[in-house]
Amino acid sequence: MTSTAGNLTGECSCGHVRYRITASPLIVHCCHCSWCQRETGSAFAVNALIEKAAVQIKDGTPELVHTPSASGHGQQIARCPKCRVAVWSHYYRAGPNICFIRVGTLDQPESMPPDIHIYTASKQPWVSLPVDAKRSEDMYNPKEVWSPEVLQRFKAASAAQAST
């Protein structure tokens, strides 16, 4: 798992929405699914999963935009209301207390390389993955990939969601 310490900052393209993350991510995904390709206009999306409580908005207020997804449940994408850049998402399966931070919006995106490449079955054939990269042809089972600590953090975030 990614061991990057918290207190990293990020922002949208215009700088209207600025945020700080105060904990290490649960995991960093490089998602190669066709939905992420379409949504980003690129070959993949890199997302750092982190508890909503560890994301502090410093400036601006992102707008939550409901966007369709392959599951049929959609996702809520937090976008800057001015430049429309996606800074994070909330996916139905993870719940609203888990943010999928768009790593490219971090001031130091190099500090969060992918822990795993997912949905590699739909990866563009011209994208080469490192030989030693963890990968899954679709979504993996978190119980098989995440550490006990990360599973507990996710469980605590889910419990906090249920109590609100």
Protein backbone atom coordinates (compact mmCIF):
# COMPACT_ATOMS: atom_id res chain seq x y z
CA MET A 1 0.00 0.00 0.00
CA THR A 2 1.03 3.59 -0.51
CA SER A 3 2.89 4.89 2.51
CA THR A 4 2.71 8.60 1.66
CA ALA A 5 2.09 10.63 4.79
CA GLY A 6 -0.81 13.05 4.98
CA ASN A 7 -0.80 16.83 4.71
CA LEU A 8 -0.55 16.99 0.93
CA THR A 9 -2.36 19.75 -0.91
CA GLY A 10 -4.06 19.95 -4.27
CA GLU A 11 -6.23 22.16 -6.42
CA CYS A 12 -8.25 22.40 -9.60
CA SER A 13 -6.76 23.99 -12.73
CA CYS A 14 -7.85 27.53 -11.91
CA GLY A 15 -7.02 27.32 -8.20
CA HIS A 16 -10.54 28.18 -7.04
CA VAL A 17 -10.90 24.86 -5.18
CA ARG A 18 -7.95 24.01 -2.93
CA TYR A 19 -7.82 21.08 -0.53
CA ARG A 20 -5.52 19.31 1.90
CA ILE A 21 -5.45 15.63 2.74
CA THR A 22 -4.42 14.82 6.29
CA ALA A 23 -3.93 11.04 6.11
CA SER A 24 -2.30 8.52 3.85
CA PRO A 25 -4.59 7.02 1.22
CA LEU A 26 -6.19 3.63 1.73
CA ILE A 27 -4.91 2.64 -1.70
CA VAL A 28 -4.14 4.28 -5.04
CA HIS A 29 -5.84 2.82 -8.12
CA CYS A 30 -4.90 3.34 -11.71
CA CYS A 31 -8.21 2.51 -13.36
CA HIS A 32 -8.18 1.49 -17.02
CA CYS A 33 -11.95 0.94 -17.38
CA SER A 34 -13.66 2.36 -20.45
CA TRP A 35 -15.80 4.64 -18.25
CA CYS A 36 -12.72 6.31 -16.72
CA GLN A 37 -11.20 6.61 -20.19
CA ARG A 38 -14.29 8.39 -21.47
CA GLU A 39 -14.69 10.54 -18.37
CA THR A 40 -11.09 11.77 -18.35
CA GLY A 41 -10.54 11.83 -22.08
CA SER A 42 -7.39 9.83 -21.38
CA ALA A 43 -6.26 6.20 -21.12
CA PHE A 44 -6.92 5.87 -17.38
CA ALA A 45 -7.69 7.67 -14.12
CA VAL A 46 -5.48 7.60 -11.03
CA ASN A 47 -7.46 7.84 -7.80
CA ALA A 48 -6.28 7.86 -4.19
CA LEU A 49 -9.00 6.48 -1.90
CA ILE A 50 -9.16 8.38 1.38
CA GLU A 51 -11.68 9.03 4.11
CA LYS A 52 -13.79 12.16 3.58
CA ALA A 53 -12.88 13.28 7.12
CA ALA A 54 -9.23 13.48 5.99
CA VAL A 55 -10.04 15.87 3.11
CA GLN A 56 -10.11 19.51 4.18
CA ILE A 57 -11.34 22.12 1.73
CA LYS A 58 -9.08 25.17 2.04
CA ASP A 59 -10.64 27.38 -0.65
CA GLY A 60 -13.76 27.28 -2.78
CA THR A 61 -16.62 24.82 -2.69
CA PRO A 62 -16.68 21.99 -5.19
CA GLU A 63 -19.97 21.22 -6.88
CA LEU A 64 -21.16 17.60 -6.70
CA VAL A 65 -22.24 16.45 -10.16
CA HIS A 66 -24.05 13.13 -10.57
CA THR A 67 -22.41 11.19 -13.39
CA PRO A 68 -23.42 7.79 -14.83
CA SER A 69 -21.23 4.77 -14.16
CA ALA A 70 -20.96 1.18 -15.34
CA SER A 71 -22.71 -0.04 -12.17
CA GLY A 72 -25.84 1.92 -13.07
CA HIS A 73 -25.69 3.69 -9.70
CA GLY A 74 -23.54 6.57 -10.88
CA GLN A 75 -21.05 8.57 -8.92
CA GLN A 76 -20.86 12.04 -7.45
CA ILE A 77 -17.95 13.96 -8.93
CA ALA A 78 -16.71 16.98 -6.96
CA ARG A 79 -15.89 19.58 -9.61
CA CYS A 80 -14.67 23.13 -9.44
CA PRO A 81 -17.68 25.33 -10.31
CA LYS A 82 -15.43 27.63 -12.36
CA CYS A 83 -13.02 25.45 -14.39
CA ARG A 84 -15.10 22.22 -14.02
CA VAL A 85 -12.05 20.06 -13.20
CA ALA A 86 -12.84 16.93 -11.19
CA VAL A 87 -10.95 16.97 -7.89
CA TRP A 88 -12.50 13.83 -6.38
CA SER A 89 -15.46 11.45 -6.61
CA HIS A 90 -17.74 9.49 -4.34
CA TYR A 91 -18.62 6.09 -5.80
CA TYR A 92 -21.82 4.30 -4.83
CA ARG A 93 -20.09 1.11 -3.70
CA ALA A 94 -17.60 2.93 -1.46
CA GLY A 95 -20.14 5.38 -0.06
CA PRO A 96 -20.04 9.14 0.52
CA ASN A 97 -17.41 8.94 3.28
CA ILE A 98 -14.70 7.77 0.89
CA CYS A 99 -13.20 10.26 -1.56
CA PHE A 100 -11.47 9.12 -4.71
CA ILE A 101 -8.97 11.98 -4.99
CA ARG A 102 -7.82 12.62 -8.56
CA VAL A 103 -4.08 12.23 -8.05
CA GLY A 104 -3.34 14.60 -10.93
CA THR A 105 -4.87 17.46 -8.92
CA LEU A 106 -2.31 17.06 -6.12
CA ASP A 107 0.47 19.63 -5.96
CA GLN A 108 2.86 16.65 -5.77
CA PRO A 109 1.16 13.87 -7.77
CA GLU A 110 4.43 11.95 -7.97
CA SER A 111 4.02 11.23 -4.25
CA MET A 112 1.11 8.84 -4.96
CA PRO A 113 2.01 6.28 -7.60
CA PRO A 114 -0.54 3.51 -8.20
CA ASP A 115 -0.59 0.58 -5.80
CA ILE A 116 -2.61 -1.44 -8.31
CA HIS A 117 -3.84 -1.18 -11.89
CA ILE A 118 -7.50 -2.18 -12.19
CA TYR A 119 -9.76 -3.07 -15.12
CA THR A 120 -6.69 -3.92 -17.17
CA ALA A 121 -8.86 -6.06 -19.46
CA SER A 122 -9.97 -2.77 -21.07
CA LYS A 123 -6.53 -1.11 -20.90
CA GLN A 124 -5.45 0.54 -24.12
CA PRO A 125 -3.03 -1.81 -25.89
CA TRP A 126 -0.43 0.95 -26.28
CA VAL A 127 -0.23 1.51 -22.48
CA SER A 128 2.63 -0.51 -20.99
CA LEU A 129 2.56 -1.38 -17.31
CA PRO A 130 5.69 -1.97 -15.25
CA VAL A 131 6.52 -5.68 -15.10
CA ASP A 132 6.22 -5.75 -11.30
CA ALA A 133 2.98 -3.71 -11.13
CA LYS A 134 0.06 -5.25 -9.26
CA ARG A 135 -2.88 -5.61 -11.60
CA SER A 136 -6.40 -6.95 -11.87
CA GLU A 137 -8.39 -7.53 -15.05
CA ASP A 138 -11.46 -6.05 -13.31
CA MET A 139 -12.17 -4.95 -9.74
CA TYR A 140 -10.43 -6.94 -7.03
CA ASN A 141 -11.69 -8.14 -3.67
CA PRO A 142 -10.44 -5.62 -1.05
CA LYS A 143 -10.18 -8.42 1.54
CA GLU A 144 -7.53 -10.00 -0.67
CA VAL A 145 -5.58 -6.83 -1.46
CA TRP A 146 -5.92 -4.36 1.43
CA SER A 147 -4.00 -4.65 4.69
CA PRO A 148 -5.95 -5.27 7.94
CA GLU A 149 -5.31 -1.62 8.91
CA VAL A 150 -6.78 -0.31 5.65
CA LEU A 151 -9.79 -2.62 5.95
CA GLN A 152 -10.38 -1.26 9.47
CA ARG A 153 -10.13 2.35 8.29
CA PHE A 154 -12.65 1.64 5.53
CA LYS A 155 -14.96 -0.10 8.00
CA ALA A 156 -14.74 2.88 10.39
CA ALA A 157 -15.58 5.34 7.57
CA SER A 158 -18.54 3.17 6.55
CA ALA A 159 -19.74 3.00 10.17
CA ALA A 160 -19.49 6.79 10.46
CA GLN A 161 -21.64 7.05 7.35
CA ALA A 162 -24.26 4.72 8.80
CA SER A 163 -24.48 6.75 12.01
CA THR A 164 -25.13 10.09 10.29
